[in-house]
């Protein structure tokens, strides 16, 4: 468990700190409920008082996001669900963190922002991102990148962990003999949360 804090935990914590000023008192959307996204869900309540939502194309990962504390989950590829979500949130979220970093997830992140919202992109899936320039001033939005974190943030995160202020991470133990199968499952996107190999 502790080893995950120094990678996915720190990455999620740093992104949450970058979004805090826009998220506090509002709505925060976590895009991508994989290992890092679920780490963000475990840490979020210790950083912001925002109402937290989760978006993922995989129904199992949406369910994991709900179990991790999201008030609602959305499939970003479902247009009807998007329309309902925008109505439910009163016109979008104040902040979003994209833990996927694909063209589609970044575009969704911008689309779901309310006026004055901010998107932080963490994921490294790849592709390109474009948006009509007038939309930046019209929606008064901000877009920022975040990569891992710094030593001070690591210390802060460890203090939160020691104080018991972080929610439990979704961790599944597997025998070391299943290392190859686990890597294949990871490649296929079948892993929910984190897997720890044990000898």
N, C-alpha and C. Protein backbone atom coordinates (compact mmCIF):
# COMPACT_ATOMS: atom_id res chain seq x y z
N UNK A 1 0.83 -1.20 0.00
CA UNK A 1 0.00 0.00 0.00
C UNK A 1 0.87 1.26 0.00
N UNK A 2 1.85 1.32 0.88
CA UNK A 2 2.68 2.53 1.00
C UNK A 2 3.39 2.87 -0.30
N UNK A 3 3.84 1.85 -1.03
CA UNK A 3 4.60 2.12 -2.26
C UNK A 3 3.74 2.84 -3.30
N UNK A 4 2.43 2.65 -3.29
CA UNK A 4 1.57 3.32 -4.27
C UNK A 4 1.51 4.83 -4.03
N UNK A 5 1.72 5.26 -2.79
CA UNK A 5 1.66 6.70 -2.50
C UNK A 5 2.79 7.47 -3.18
N UNK A 6 3.94 6.84 -3.37
CA UNK A 6 5.07 7.56 -3.94
C UNK A 6 4.97 7.73 -5.45
N UNK A 7 4.04 7.05 -6.08
CA UNK A 7 3.87 7.20 -7.53
C UNK A 7 2.46 7.71 -7.83
N UNK A 8 1.48 6.81 -7.88
CA UNK A 8 0.12 7.24 -8.22
C UNK A 8 -0.45 8.17 -7.15
N UNK A 9 -0.12 7.93 -5.89
CA UNK A 9 -0.62 8.80 -4.82
C UNK A 9 -0.11 10.22 -4.96
N UNK A 10 1.19 10.37 -5.15
CA UNK A 10 1.79 11.70 -5.30
C UNK A 10 1.27 12.38 -6.56
N UNK A 11 1.14 11.63 -7.64
CA UNK A 11 0.62 12.18 -8.90
C UNK A 11 -0.79 12.73 -8.70
N UNK A 12 -1.64 11.95 -8.05
CA UNK A 12 -3.02 12.37 -7.79
C UNK A 12 -3.07 13.55 -6.84
N UNK A 13 -2.27 13.50 -5.78
CA UNK A 13 -2.26 14.58 -4.78
C UNK A 13 -1.85 15.91 -5.40
N UNK A 14 -0.79 15.89 -6.21
CA UNK A 14 -0.31 17.11 -6.85
C UNK A 14 -1.38 17.71 -7.77
N UNK A 15 -2.06 16.86 -8.52
CA UNK A 15 -3.13 17.34 -9.41
C UNK A 15 -4.28 17.93 -8.60
N UNK A 16 -4.64 17.28 -7.50
CA UNK A 16 -5.72 17.78 -6.64
C UNK A 16 -5.37 19.15 -6.05
N UNK A 17 -4.11 19.35 -5.68
CA UNK A 17 -3.70 20.65 -5.14
C UNK A 17 -3.81 21.73 -6.21
N UNK A 18 -3.50 21.38 -7.46
CA UNK A 18 -3.58 22.36 -8.55
C UNK A 18 -5.02 22.78 -8.84
N UNK A 19 -5.96 21.93 -8.52
CA UNK A 19 -7.37 22.17 -8.84
C UNK A 19 -8.16 22.69 -7.64
N UNK A 20 -7.57 22.63 -6.46
CA UNK A 20 -8.27 22.91 -5.20
C UNK A 20 -9.03 24.23 -5.19
N UNK A 21 -8.41 25.32 -5.64
CA UNK A 21 -9.05 26.63 -5.54
C UNK A 21 -10.33 26.71 -6.35
N UNK A 22 -10.39 25.98 -7.47
CA UNK A 22 -11.62 25.98 -8.28
C UNK A 22 -12.63 24.94 -7.77
N UNK A 23 -12.13 23.87 -7.19
CA UNK A 23 -13.01 22.77 -6.77
C UNK A 23 -13.72 23.06 -5.46
N UNK A 24 -13.03 23.71 -4.52
CA UNK A 24 -13.60 23.93 -3.18
C UNK A 24 -14.98 24.57 -3.24
N UNK A 25 -15.93 23.95 -2.55
CA UNK A 25 -17.29 24.46 -2.51
C UNK A 25 -18.09 24.19 -3.77
N UNK A 26 -17.49 23.47 -4.72
CA UNK A 26 -18.15 23.20 -5.99
C UNK A 26 -18.16 21.73 -6.34
N UNK A 27 -17.99 21.48 -7.63
CA UNK A 27 -18.05 20.11 -8.14
C UNK A 27 -16.75 19.77 -8.87
N UNK A 28 -16.22 18.57 -8.58
CA UNK A 28 -14.98 18.08 -9.17
C UNK A 28 -15.26 16.78 -9.91
N UNK A 29 -14.78 16.70 -11.15
CA UNK A 29 -14.93 15.47 -11.94
C UNK A 29 -13.57 14.79 -12.11
N UNK A 30 -13.49 13.53 -11.73
CA UNK A 30 -12.31 12.69 -11.96
C UNK A 30 -12.57 11.91 -13.24
N UNK A 31 -11.75 12.17 -14.27
CA UNK A 31 -11.90 11.48 -15.55
C UNK A 31 -10.89 10.34 -15.60
N UNK A 32 -11.39 9.11 -15.63
CA UNK A 32 -10.52 7.94 -15.65
C UNK A 32 -10.42 7.33 -14.26
N UNK A 33 -11.11 6.22 -14.05
CA UNK A 33 -11.10 5.56 -12.74
C UNK A 33 -10.18 4.35 -12.75
N UNK A 34 -8.97 4.55 -13.29
CA UNK A 34 -7.93 3.53 -13.22
C UNK A 34 -7.19 3.68 -11.91
N UNK A 35 -5.97 3.18 -11.85
CA UNK A 35 -5.20 3.21 -10.61
C UNK A 35 -4.96 4.61 -10.07
N UNK A 36 -4.59 5.55 -10.95
CA UNK A 36 -4.30 6.91 -10.48
C UNK A 36 -5.59 7.66 -10.17
N UNK A 37 -6.61 7.47 -11.00
CA UNK A 37 -7.89 8.11 -10.74
C UNK A 37 -8.50 7.66 -9.43
N UNK A 38 -8.42 6.36 -9.14
CA UNK A 38 -8.94 5.86 -7.86
C UNK A 38 -8.08 6.31 -6.69
N UNK A 39 -6.78 6.51 -6.92
CA UNK A 39 -5.93 7.08 -5.87
C UNK A 39 -6.40 8.50 -5.56
N UNK A 40 -6.77 9.24 -6.61
CA UNK A 40 -7.29 10.60 -6.41
C UNK A 40 -8.58 10.57 -5.59
N UNK A 41 -9.42 9.58 -5.88
CA UNK A 41 -10.67 9.45 -5.12
C UNK A 41 -10.38 9.19 -3.64
N UNK A 42 -9.34 8.41 -3.36
CA UNK A 42 -8.98 8.08 -1.97
C UNK A 42 -8.41 9.29 -1.23
N UNK A 43 -7.80 10.20 -1.97
CA UNK A 43 -7.12 11.35 -1.38
C UNK A 43 -8.00 12.60 -1.37
N UNK A 44 -8.92 12.69 -2.31
CA UNK A 44 -9.66 13.93 -2.58
C UNK A 44 -10.28 14.59 -1.36
N UNK A 45 -10.96 13.83 -0.53
CA UNK A 45 -11.66 14.41 0.62
C UNK A 45 -10.71 15.04 1.64
N UNK A 46 -9.44 14.68 1.60
CA UNK A 46 -8.47 15.29 2.51
C UNK A 46 -7.89 16.58 1.92
N UNK A 47 -8.22 16.87 0.65
CA UNK A 47 -7.68 18.06 -0.03
C UNK A 47 -8.77 19.10 -0.30
N UNK A 48 -9.96 18.65 -0.68
CA UNK A 48 -11.02 19.57 -1.08
C UNK A 48 -12.37 19.13 -0.50
N UNK A 49 -13.25 20.11 -0.34
CA UNK A 49 -14.61 19.80 0.12
C UNK A 49 -15.58 19.71 -1.05
N UNK A 50 -15.06 19.60 -2.26
CA UNK A 50 -15.90 19.52 -3.46
C UNK A 50 -16.74 18.26 -3.48
N UNK A 51 -17.86 18.35 -4.18
CA UNK A 51 -18.69 17.18 -4.48
C UNK A 51 -17.98 16.46 -5.63
N UNK A 52 -17.72 15.17 -5.50
CA UNK A 52 -16.88 14.47 -6.48
C UNK A 52 -17.69 13.54 -7.36
N UNK A 53 -17.43 13.65 -8.66
CA UNK A 53 -18.04 12.81 -9.69
C UNK A 53 -16.93 12.04 -10.39
N UNK A 54 -17.29 10.96 -11.07
CA UNK A 54 -16.29 10.17 -11.80
C UNK A 54 -16.81 9.87 -13.20
N UNK A 55 -15.89 9.85 -14.18
CA UNK A 55 -16.23 9.51 -15.56
C UNK A 55 -15.28 8.43 -16.07
N UNK A 56 -15.84 7.40 -16.68
CA UNK A 56 -15.03 6.35 -17.29
C UNK A 56 -15.91 5.62 -18.31
N UNK A 57 -15.29 5.11 -19.37
CA UNK A 57 -16.06 4.38 -20.38
C UNK A 57 -16.34 2.94 -19.94
N UNK A 58 -15.61 2.45 -18.94
CA UNK A 58 -15.76 1.08 -18.44
C UNK A 58 -16.74 1.05 -17.27
N UNK A 59 -17.85 0.29 -17.39
CA UNK A 59 -18.83 0.26 -16.29
C UNK A 59 -18.26 -0.25 -14.97
N UNK A 60 -17.31 -1.19 -15.01
CA UNK A 60 -16.70 -1.69 -13.76
C UNK A 60 -15.92 -0.59 -13.06
N UNK A 61 -15.25 0.24 -13.85
CA UNK A 61 -14.46 1.33 -13.26
C UNK A 61 -15.37 2.45 -12.75
N UNK A 62 -16.48 2.67 -13.44
CA UNK A 62 -17.46 3.64 -12.91
C UNK A 62 -17.98 3.16 -11.56
N UNK A 63 -18.26 1.87 -11.47
CA UNK A 63 -18.75 1.29 -10.21
C UNK A 63 -17.69 1.43 -9.12
N UNK A 64 -16.42 1.21 -9.47
CA UNK A 64 -15.33 1.38 -8.50
C UNK A 64 -15.25 2.83 -8.03
N UNK A 65 -15.48 3.77 -8.94
CA UNK A 65 -15.49 5.18 -8.58
C UNK A 65 -16.61 5.52 -7.61
N UNK A 66 -17.77 4.93 -7.83
CA UNK A 66 -18.90 5.13 -6.91
C UNK A 66 -18.58 4.55 -5.53
N UNK A 67 -17.98 3.36 -5.52
CA UNK A 67 -17.59 2.73 -4.24
C UNK A 67 -16.53 3.56 -3.52
N UNK A 68 -15.72 4.30 -4.30
CA UNK A 68 -14.66 5.13 -3.72
C UNK A 68 -15.19 6.48 -3.23
N UNK A 69 -16.49 6.74 -3.44
CA UNK A 69 -17.07 7.96 -2.88
C UNK A 69 -17.66 8.97 -3.84
N UNK A 70 -17.64 8.68 -5.14
CA UNK A 70 -18.25 9.61 -6.10
C UNK A 70 -19.75 9.67 -5.88
N UNK A 71 -20.34 10.86 -6.03
CA UNK A 71 -21.79 10.98 -5.86
C UNK A 71 -22.54 10.48 -7.09
N UNK A 72 -21.85 10.47 -8.24
CA UNK A 72 -22.45 9.96 -9.48
C UNK A 72 -21.33 9.61 -10.45
N UNK A 73 -21.65 8.74 -11.40
CA UNK A 73 -20.68 8.32 -12.41
C UNK A 73 -21.29 8.52 -13.79
N UNK A 74 -20.45 8.87 -14.76
CA UNK A 74 -20.92 9.11 -16.12
C UNK A 74 -20.04 8.39 -17.12
N UNK A 75 -20.67 7.88 -18.17
CA UNK A 75 -19.96 7.32 -19.31
C UNK A 75 -19.74 8.47 -20.29
N UNK A 76 -18.49 8.92 -20.48
CA UNK A 76 -18.25 10.08 -21.34
C UNK A 76 -18.60 9.87 -22.81
N UNK A 77 -18.81 8.61 -23.21
CA UNK A 77 -19.16 8.34 -24.61
C UNK A 77 -20.68 8.33 -24.83
N UNK A 78 -21.45 8.49 -23.78
CA UNK A 78 -22.91 8.45 -23.85
C UNK A 78 -23.47 9.87 -23.90
N UNK A 79 -23.98 10.28 -25.08
CA UNK A 79 -24.45 11.66 -25.26
C UNK A 79 -25.66 11.99 -24.38
N UNK A 80 -26.56 11.03 -24.23
CA UNK A 80 -27.74 11.26 -23.38
C UNK A 80 -27.32 11.42 -21.93
N UNK A 81 -26.35 10.60 -21.50
CA UNK A 81 -25.85 10.69 -20.12
C UNK A 81 -25.16 12.04 -19.90
N UNK A 82 -24.44 12.52 -20.92
CA UNK A 82 -23.77 13.83 -20.81
C UNK A 82 -24.80 14.94 -20.61
N UNK A 83 -25.85 14.91 -21.41
CA UNK A 83 -26.90 15.93 -21.31
C UNK A 83 -27.53 15.91 -19.92
N UNK A 84 -27.82 14.71 -19.42
CA UNK A 84 -28.40 14.58 -18.08
C UNK A 84 -27.43 15.07 -17.01
N UNK A 85 -26.14 14.75 -17.19
CA UNK A 85 -25.11 15.16 -16.23
C UNK A 85 -25.00 16.68 -16.17
N UNK A 86 -25.04 17.33 -17.32
CA UNK A 86 -24.94 18.79 -17.35
C UNK A 86 -26.14 19.42 -16.64
N UNK A 87 -27.31 18.80 -16.78
CA UNK A 87 -28.48 19.29 -16.07
C UNK A 87 -28.38 19.06 -14.57
N UNK A 88 -27.91 17.87 -14.21
CA UNK A 88 -27.76 17.49 -12.80
C UNK A 88 -26.77 18.38 -12.07
N UNK A 89 -25.71 18.79 -12.77
CA UNK A 89 -24.67 19.62 -12.16
C UNK A 89 -24.94 21.11 -12.31
N UNK A 90 -26.05 21.47 -12.94
CA UNK A 90 -26.37 22.88 -13.11
C UNK A 90 -25.48 23.58 -14.12
N UNK A 91 -25.06 22.85 -15.15
CA UNK A 91 -24.25 23.46 -16.20
C UNK A 91 -22.79 23.06 -16.21
N UNK A 92 -22.45 22.02 -15.49
CA UNK A 92 -21.07 21.52 -15.53
C UNK A 92 -20.37 21.57 -14.19
N UNK A 93 -19.12 21.15 -14.20
CA UNK A 93 -18.32 21.09 -12.97
C UNK A 93 -17.35 22.26 -12.90
N UNK A 94 -16.93 22.60 -11.70
CA UNK A 94 -15.99 23.70 -11.50
C UNK A 94 -14.56 23.29 -11.80
N UNK A 95 -14.29 22.00 -11.69
CA UNK A 95 -12.94 21.50 -11.90
C UNK A 95 -12.98 20.05 -12.38
N UNK A 96 -12.00 19.71 -13.20
CA UNK A 96 -11.89 18.33 -13.70
C UNK A 96 -10.42 17.95 -13.78
N UNK A 97 -10.14 16.70 -13.48
CA UNK A 97 -8.78 16.16 -13.64
C UNK A 97 -8.86 15.00 -14.60
N UNK A 98 -8.09 15.09 -15.68
CA UNK A 98 -8.07 14.04 -16.71
C UNK A 98 -6.90 13.10 -16.45
N UNK A 99 -7.20 11.93 -15.91
CA UNK A 99 -6.17 10.94 -15.62
C UNK A 99 -5.93 10.00 -16.80
N UNK A 100 -6.59 10.26 -17.93
CA UNK A 100 -6.39 9.45 -19.14
C UNK A 100 -5.40 10.15 -20.07
N UNK A 101 -5.68 11.39 -20.40
CA UNK A 101 -4.78 12.15 -21.28
C UNK A 101 -4.88 11.76 -22.73
N UNK A 102 -6.08 11.40 -23.17
CA UNK A 102 -6.33 11.10 -24.59
C UNK A 102 -7.07 12.29 -25.20
N UNK A 103 -7.10 12.34 -26.53
CA UNK A 103 -7.83 13.43 -27.20
C UNK A 103 -9.27 13.49 -26.72
N UNK A 104 -9.93 12.33 -26.66
CA UNK A 104 -11.35 12.29 -26.29
C UNK A 104 -11.57 12.70 -24.84
N UNK A 105 -10.68 12.28 -23.94
CA UNK A 105 -10.87 12.61 -22.52
C UNK A 105 -10.62 14.09 -22.25
N UNK A 106 -9.62 14.67 -22.92
CA UNK A 106 -9.34 16.10 -22.76
C UNK A 106 -10.49 16.93 -23.32
N UNK A 107 -11.00 16.53 -24.48
CA UNK A 107 -12.13 17.24 -25.09
C UNK A 107 -13.35 17.16 -24.17
N UNK A 108 -13.58 15.99 -23.59
CA UNK A 108 -14.70 15.82 -22.66
C UNK A 108 -14.49 16.70 -21.43
N UNK A 109 -13.26 16.73 -20.94
CA UNK A 109 -12.96 17.54 -19.76
C UNK A 109 -13.28 19.01 -19.95
N UNK A 110 -12.97 19.54 -21.12
CA UNK A 110 -13.27 20.95 -21.41
C UNK A 110 -14.77 21.14 -21.57
N UNK A 111 -15.41 20.20 -22.25
CA UNK A 111 -16.85 20.29 -22.53
C UNK A 111 -17.69 20.29 -21.25
N UNK A 112 -17.23 19.58 -20.25
CA UNK A 112 -18.00 19.42 -19.02
C UNK A 112 -17.77 20.55 -18.01
N UNK A 113 -16.81 21.44 -18.30
CA UNK A 113 -16.52 22.54 -17.38
C UNK A 113 -17.60 23.61 -17.41
N UNK A 114 -17.97 24.08 -16.24
CA UNK A 114 -18.84 25.25 -16.13
C UNK A 114 -17.99 26.49 -16.42
N UNK A 115 -18.64 27.62 -16.59
CA UNK A 115 -17.89 28.87 -16.81
C UNK A 115 -16.96 29.12 -15.63
N UNK A 116 -15.71 29.46 -15.93
CA UNK A 116 -14.71 29.70 -14.90
C UNK A 116 -14.04 28.44 -14.38
N UNK A 117 -14.33 27.30 -15.00
CA UNK A 117 -13.78 26.03 -14.56
C UNK A 117 -12.33 25.81 -14.97
N UNK A 118 -11.74 24.76 -14.43
CA UNK A 118 -10.34 24.45 -14.73
C UNK A 118 -10.17 22.95 -14.96
N UNK A 119 -9.39 22.62 -15.98
CA UNK A 119 -9.05 21.23 -16.29
C UNK A 119 -7.56 21.02 -16.06
N UNK A 120 -7.21 20.00 -15.30
CA UNK A 120 -5.81 19.60 -15.13
C UNK A 120 -5.64 18.26 -15.83
N UNK A 121 -4.68 18.21 -16.76
CA UNK A 121 -4.42 16.99 -17.52
C UNK A 121 -3.20 16.29 -16.93
N UNK A 122 -3.39 15.04 -16.54
CA UNK A 122 -2.35 14.23 -15.91
C UNK A 122 -1.94 13.07 -16.80
N UNK A 123 -2.93 12.39 -17.39
CA UNK A 123 -2.68 11.19 -18.17
C UNK A 123 -1.79 11.42 -19.38
N UNK A 124 -1.11 10.36 -19.78
CA UNK A 124 -0.13 10.45 -20.87
C UNK A 124 -0.50 9.56 -22.05
N UNK A 125 -1.79 9.27 -22.22
CA UNK A 125 -2.20 8.38 -23.31
C UNK A 125 -1.72 8.90 -24.66
N UNK A 126 -1.89 10.18 -24.90
CA UNK A 126 -1.35 10.80 -26.12
C UNK A 126 -2.41 11.32 -27.06
N UNK A 127 -1.93 11.88 -28.16
CA UNK A 127 -2.81 12.51 -29.13
C UNK A 127 -2.61 14.01 -29.10
N UNK A 128 -3.56 14.73 -29.65
CA UNK A 128 -3.46 16.19 -29.66
C UNK A 128 -4.76 16.77 -29.13
N UNK A 129 -4.69 18.02 -28.75
CA UNK A 129 -5.85 18.69 -28.17
C UNK A 129 -5.98 20.05 -28.84
N UNK A 130 -7.16 20.36 -29.33
CA UNK A 130 -7.39 21.69 -29.90
C UNK A 130 -8.74 22.20 -29.45
N UNK A 131 -8.83 23.51 -29.39
CA UNK A 131 -10.06 24.15 -28.97
C UNK A 131 -10.10 25.53 -29.60
N UNK A 132 -11.25 25.97 -30.09
CA UNK A 132 -11.32 27.32 -30.65
C UNK A 132 -10.89 28.35 -29.59
N UNK A 133 -9.96 29.22 -29.93
CA UNK A 133 -9.42 30.18 -28.97
C UNK A 133 -10.47 31.06 -28.31
N UNK A 134 -11.53 31.50 -29.02
CA UNK A 134 -12.54 32.33 -28.35
C UNK A 134 -13.21 31.64 -27.17
N UNK A 135 -13.20 30.30 -27.15
CA UNK A 135 -13.85 29.58 -26.05
C UNK A 135 -13.12 29.78 -24.71
N UNK A 136 -11.79 30.03 -24.76
CA UNK A 136 -11.06 30.27 -23.51
C UNK A 136 -11.59 31.51 -22.79
N UNK A 137 -11.68 32.67 -23.46
CA UNK A 137 -12.24 33.83 -22.75
C UNK A 137 -13.75 33.74 -22.54
N UNK A 138 -14.49 33.17 -23.50
CA UNK A 138 -15.94 33.10 -23.36
C UNK A 138 -16.34 32.25 -22.16
N UNK A 139 -15.69 31.09 -22.00
CA UNK A 139 -15.98 30.21 -20.86
C UNK A 139 -15.11 30.54 -19.64
N UNK A 140 -14.09 31.40 -19.85
CA UNK A 140 -13.16 31.78 -18.77
C UNK A 140 -12.56 30.56 -18.08
N UNK A 141 -12.12 29.59 -18.91
CA UNK A 141 -11.58 28.35 -18.36
C UNK A 141 -10.06 28.35 -18.33
N UNK A 142 -9.51 27.47 -17.55
CA UNK A 142 -8.08 27.27 -17.48
C UNK A 142 -7.75 25.81 -17.75
N UNK A 143 -6.63 25.57 -18.43
CA UNK A 143 -6.14 24.21 -18.69
C UNK A 143 -4.69 24.16 -18.25
N UNK A 144 -4.34 23.17 -17.44
CA UNK A 144 -2.99 23.05 -16.90
C UNK A 144 -2.56 21.59 -16.92
N UNK A 145 -1.28 21.36 -17.06
CA UNK A 145 -0.73 20.01 -16.98
C UNK A 145 -0.18 19.74 -15.60
N UNK A 146 -0.08 18.47 -15.24
CA UNK A 146 0.50 18.08 -13.96
C UNK A 146 1.24 16.77 -14.15
N UNK A 147 2.49 16.71 -13.67
CA UNK A 147 3.31 15.51 -13.84
C UNK A 147 3.93 15.12 -12.50
N UNK A 148 3.53 14.01 -11.96
CA UNK A 148 3.96 13.48 -10.65
C UNK A 148 3.75 14.56 -9.58
N UNK A 149 4.80 15.03 -8.92
CA UNK A 149 4.68 16.01 -7.85
C UNK A 149 6.06 16.37 -7.34
N UNK A 150 6.13 17.08 -6.22
CA UNK A 150 7.43 17.48 -5.69
C UNK A 150 7.62 16.92 -4.26
N UNK A 151 8.80 17.15 -3.71
CA UNK A 151 9.15 16.59 -2.40
C UNK A 151 8.24 17.12 -1.29
N UNK A 152 7.92 18.41 -1.34
CA UNK A 152 7.04 18.98 -0.31
C UNK A 152 5.66 18.32 -0.35
N UNK A 153 5.13 18.10 -1.56
CA UNK A 153 3.84 17.43 -1.69
C UNK A 153 3.91 15.99 -1.19
N UNK A 154 5.05 15.33 -1.42
CA UNK A 154 5.22 13.96 -0.92
C UNK A 154 5.17 13.94 0.61
N UNK A 155 5.82 14.92 1.22
CA UNK A 155 5.80 15.01 2.70
C UNK A 155 4.38 15.24 3.21
N UNK A 156 3.66 16.14 2.54
CA UNK A 156 2.28 16.44 2.94
C UNK A 156 1.41 15.18 2.82
N UNK A 157 1.58 14.45 1.72
CA UNK A 157 0.80 13.24 1.51
C UNK A 157 1.11 12.18 2.56
N UNK A 158 2.38 12.02 2.89
CA UNK A 158 2.77 11.05 3.92
C UNK A 158 2.19 11.44 5.29
N UNK A 159 2.13 12.75 5.57
CA UNK A 159 1.53 13.20 6.83
C UNK A 159 0.05 12.85 6.88
N UNK A 160 -0.64 13.02 5.75
CA UNK A 160 -2.07 12.65 5.68
C UNK A 160 -2.25 11.15 5.89
N UNK A 161 -1.36 10.36 5.28
CA UNK A 161 -1.44 8.90 5.41
C UNK A 161 -1.19 8.48 6.86
N UNK A 162 -0.16 9.05 7.48
CA UNK A 162 0.16 8.72 8.87
C UNK A 162 -0.98 9.08 9.82
N UNK A 163 -1.67 10.18 9.50
CA UNK A 163 -2.78 10.64 10.34
C UNK A 163 -4.07 9.87 10.07
N UNK A 164 -4.04 8.93 9.12
CA UNK A 164 -5.22 8.13 8.81
C UNK A 164 -6.31 8.90 8.09
N UNK A 165 -5.93 9.94 7.35
CA UNK A 165 -6.92 10.81 6.70
C UNK A 165 -7.23 10.41 5.25
N UNK A 166 -6.62 9.34 4.77
CA UNK A 166 -6.85 8.90 3.39
C UNK A 166 -7.78 7.70 3.38
N UNK A 167 -8.68 7.68 2.41
CA UNK A 167 -9.58 6.53 2.26
C UNK A 167 -8.79 5.33 1.77
N UNK A 168 -9.35 4.15 1.98
CA UNK A 168 -8.70 2.90 1.58
C UNK A 168 -8.61 2.79 0.06
N UNK A 169 -7.46 2.34 -0.43
CA UNK A 169 -7.28 2.12 -1.86
C UNK A 169 -7.81 0.75 -2.26
N UNK A 170 -8.30 0.64 -3.49
CA UNK A 170 -8.77 -0.65 -4.01
C UNK A 170 -7.56 -1.48 -4.44
N UNK A 171 -7.18 -2.46 -3.62
CA UNK A 171 -6.01 -3.29 -3.90
C UNK A 171 -6.42 -4.76 -3.90
N UNK A 172 -6.03 -5.47 -4.96
CA UNK A 172 -6.30 -6.90 -5.08
C UNK A 172 -4.98 -7.66 -5.02
N UNK A 173 -4.81 -8.57 -4.05
CA UNK A 173 -3.58 -9.37 -4.01
C UNK A 173 -3.67 -10.54 -5.00
N UNK A 174 -2.55 -10.83 -5.65
CA UNK A 174 -2.45 -12.00 -6.54
C UNK A 174 -1.11 -12.68 -6.27
N UNK A 175 -1.03 -13.99 -6.51
CA UNK A 175 0.26 -14.67 -6.33
C UNK A 175 1.27 -14.22 -7.39
N UNK A 176 2.53 -14.23 -7.01
CA UNK A 176 3.61 -13.83 -7.92
C UNK A 176 3.59 -14.66 -9.20
N UNK A 177 3.14 -15.89 -9.13
CA UNK A 177 3.07 -16.77 -10.30
C UNK A 177 2.13 -16.21 -11.38
N UNK A 178 1.25 -15.29 -11.01
CA UNK A 178 0.31 -14.69 -11.96
C UNK A 178 0.81 -13.36 -12.52
N UNK A 179 2.10 -13.10 -12.42
CA UNK A 179 2.66 -11.83 -12.89
C UNK A 179 2.37 -11.60 -14.37
N UNK A 180 2.60 -12.63 -15.21
CA UNK A 180 2.37 -12.47 -16.65
C UNK A 180 0.90 -12.19 -16.94
N UNK A 181 0.01 -12.97 -16.32
CA UNK A 181 -1.43 -12.77 -16.51
C UNK A 181 -1.84 -11.38 -16.04
N UNK A 182 -1.27 -10.92 -14.94
CA UNK A 182 -1.60 -9.60 -14.41
C UNK A 182 -1.18 -8.50 -15.38
N UNK A 183 0.01 -8.64 -15.96
CA UNK A 183 0.46 -7.65 -16.95
C UNK A 183 -0.44 -7.65 -18.18
N UNK A 184 -0.88 -8.84 -18.60
CA UNK A 184 -1.82 -8.93 -19.73
C UNK A 184 -3.15 -8.27 -19.39
N UNK A 185 -3.65 -8.52 -18.19
CA UNK A 185 -4.90 -7.90 -17.75
C UNK A 185 -4.76 -6.38 -17.69
N UNK A 186 -3.61 -5.92 -17.23
CA UNK A 186 -3.34 -4.49 -17.17
C UNK A 186 -3.34 -3.88 -18.56
N UNK A 187 -2.67 -4.56 -19.49
CA UNK A 187 -2.61 -4.09 -20.88
C UNK A 187 -3.99 -4.00 -21.51
N UNK A 188 -4.85 -4.95 -21.16
CA UNK A 188 -6.21 -5.00 -21.73
C UNK A 188 -7.19 -4.10 -20.98
N UNK A 189 -6.73 -3.42 -19.93
CA UNK A 189 -7.60 -2.54 -19.16
C UNK A 189 -8.56 -3.27 -18.24
N UNK A 190 -8.22 -4.50 -17.86
CA UNK A 190 -9.11 -5.31 -17.02
C UNK A 190 -8.85 -5.15 -15.52
N UNK A 191 -7.81 -4.42 -15.16
CA UNK A 191 -7.49 -4.24 -13.74
C UNK A 191 -8.30 -3.07 -13.19
N UNK A 192 -8.97 -3.30 -12.08
CA UNK A 192 -9.69 -2.23 -11.38
C UNK A 192 -8.92 -1.93 -10.11
N UNK A 193 -8.47 -0.69 -9.95
CA UNK A 193 -7.65 -0.32 -8.80
C UNK A 193 -6.21 -0.78 -9.00
N UNK A 194 -5.64 -1.36 -7.97
CA UNK A 194 -4.24 -1.82 -8.00
C UNK A 194 -4.18 -3.31 -7.69
N UNK A 195 -3.18 -3.97 -8.28
CA UNK A 195 -2.89 -5.37 -7.96
C UNK A 195 -1.53 -5.42 -7.29
N UNK A 196 -1.43 -6.16 -6.20
CA UNK A 196 -0.16 -6.37 -5.51
C UNK A 196 0.19 -7.84 -5.65
N UNK A 197 1.38 -8.10 -6.23
CA UNK A 197 1.85 -9.48 -6.38
C UNK A 197 2.55 -9.92 -5.10
N UNK A 198 2.18 -11.10 -4.62
CA UNK A 198 2.74 -11.62 -3.37
C UNK A 198 3.41 -12.97 -3.61
N UNK A 199 4.56 -13.18 -2.95
CA UNK A 199 5.25 -14.47 -3.10
C UNK A 199 4.76 -15.48 -2.09
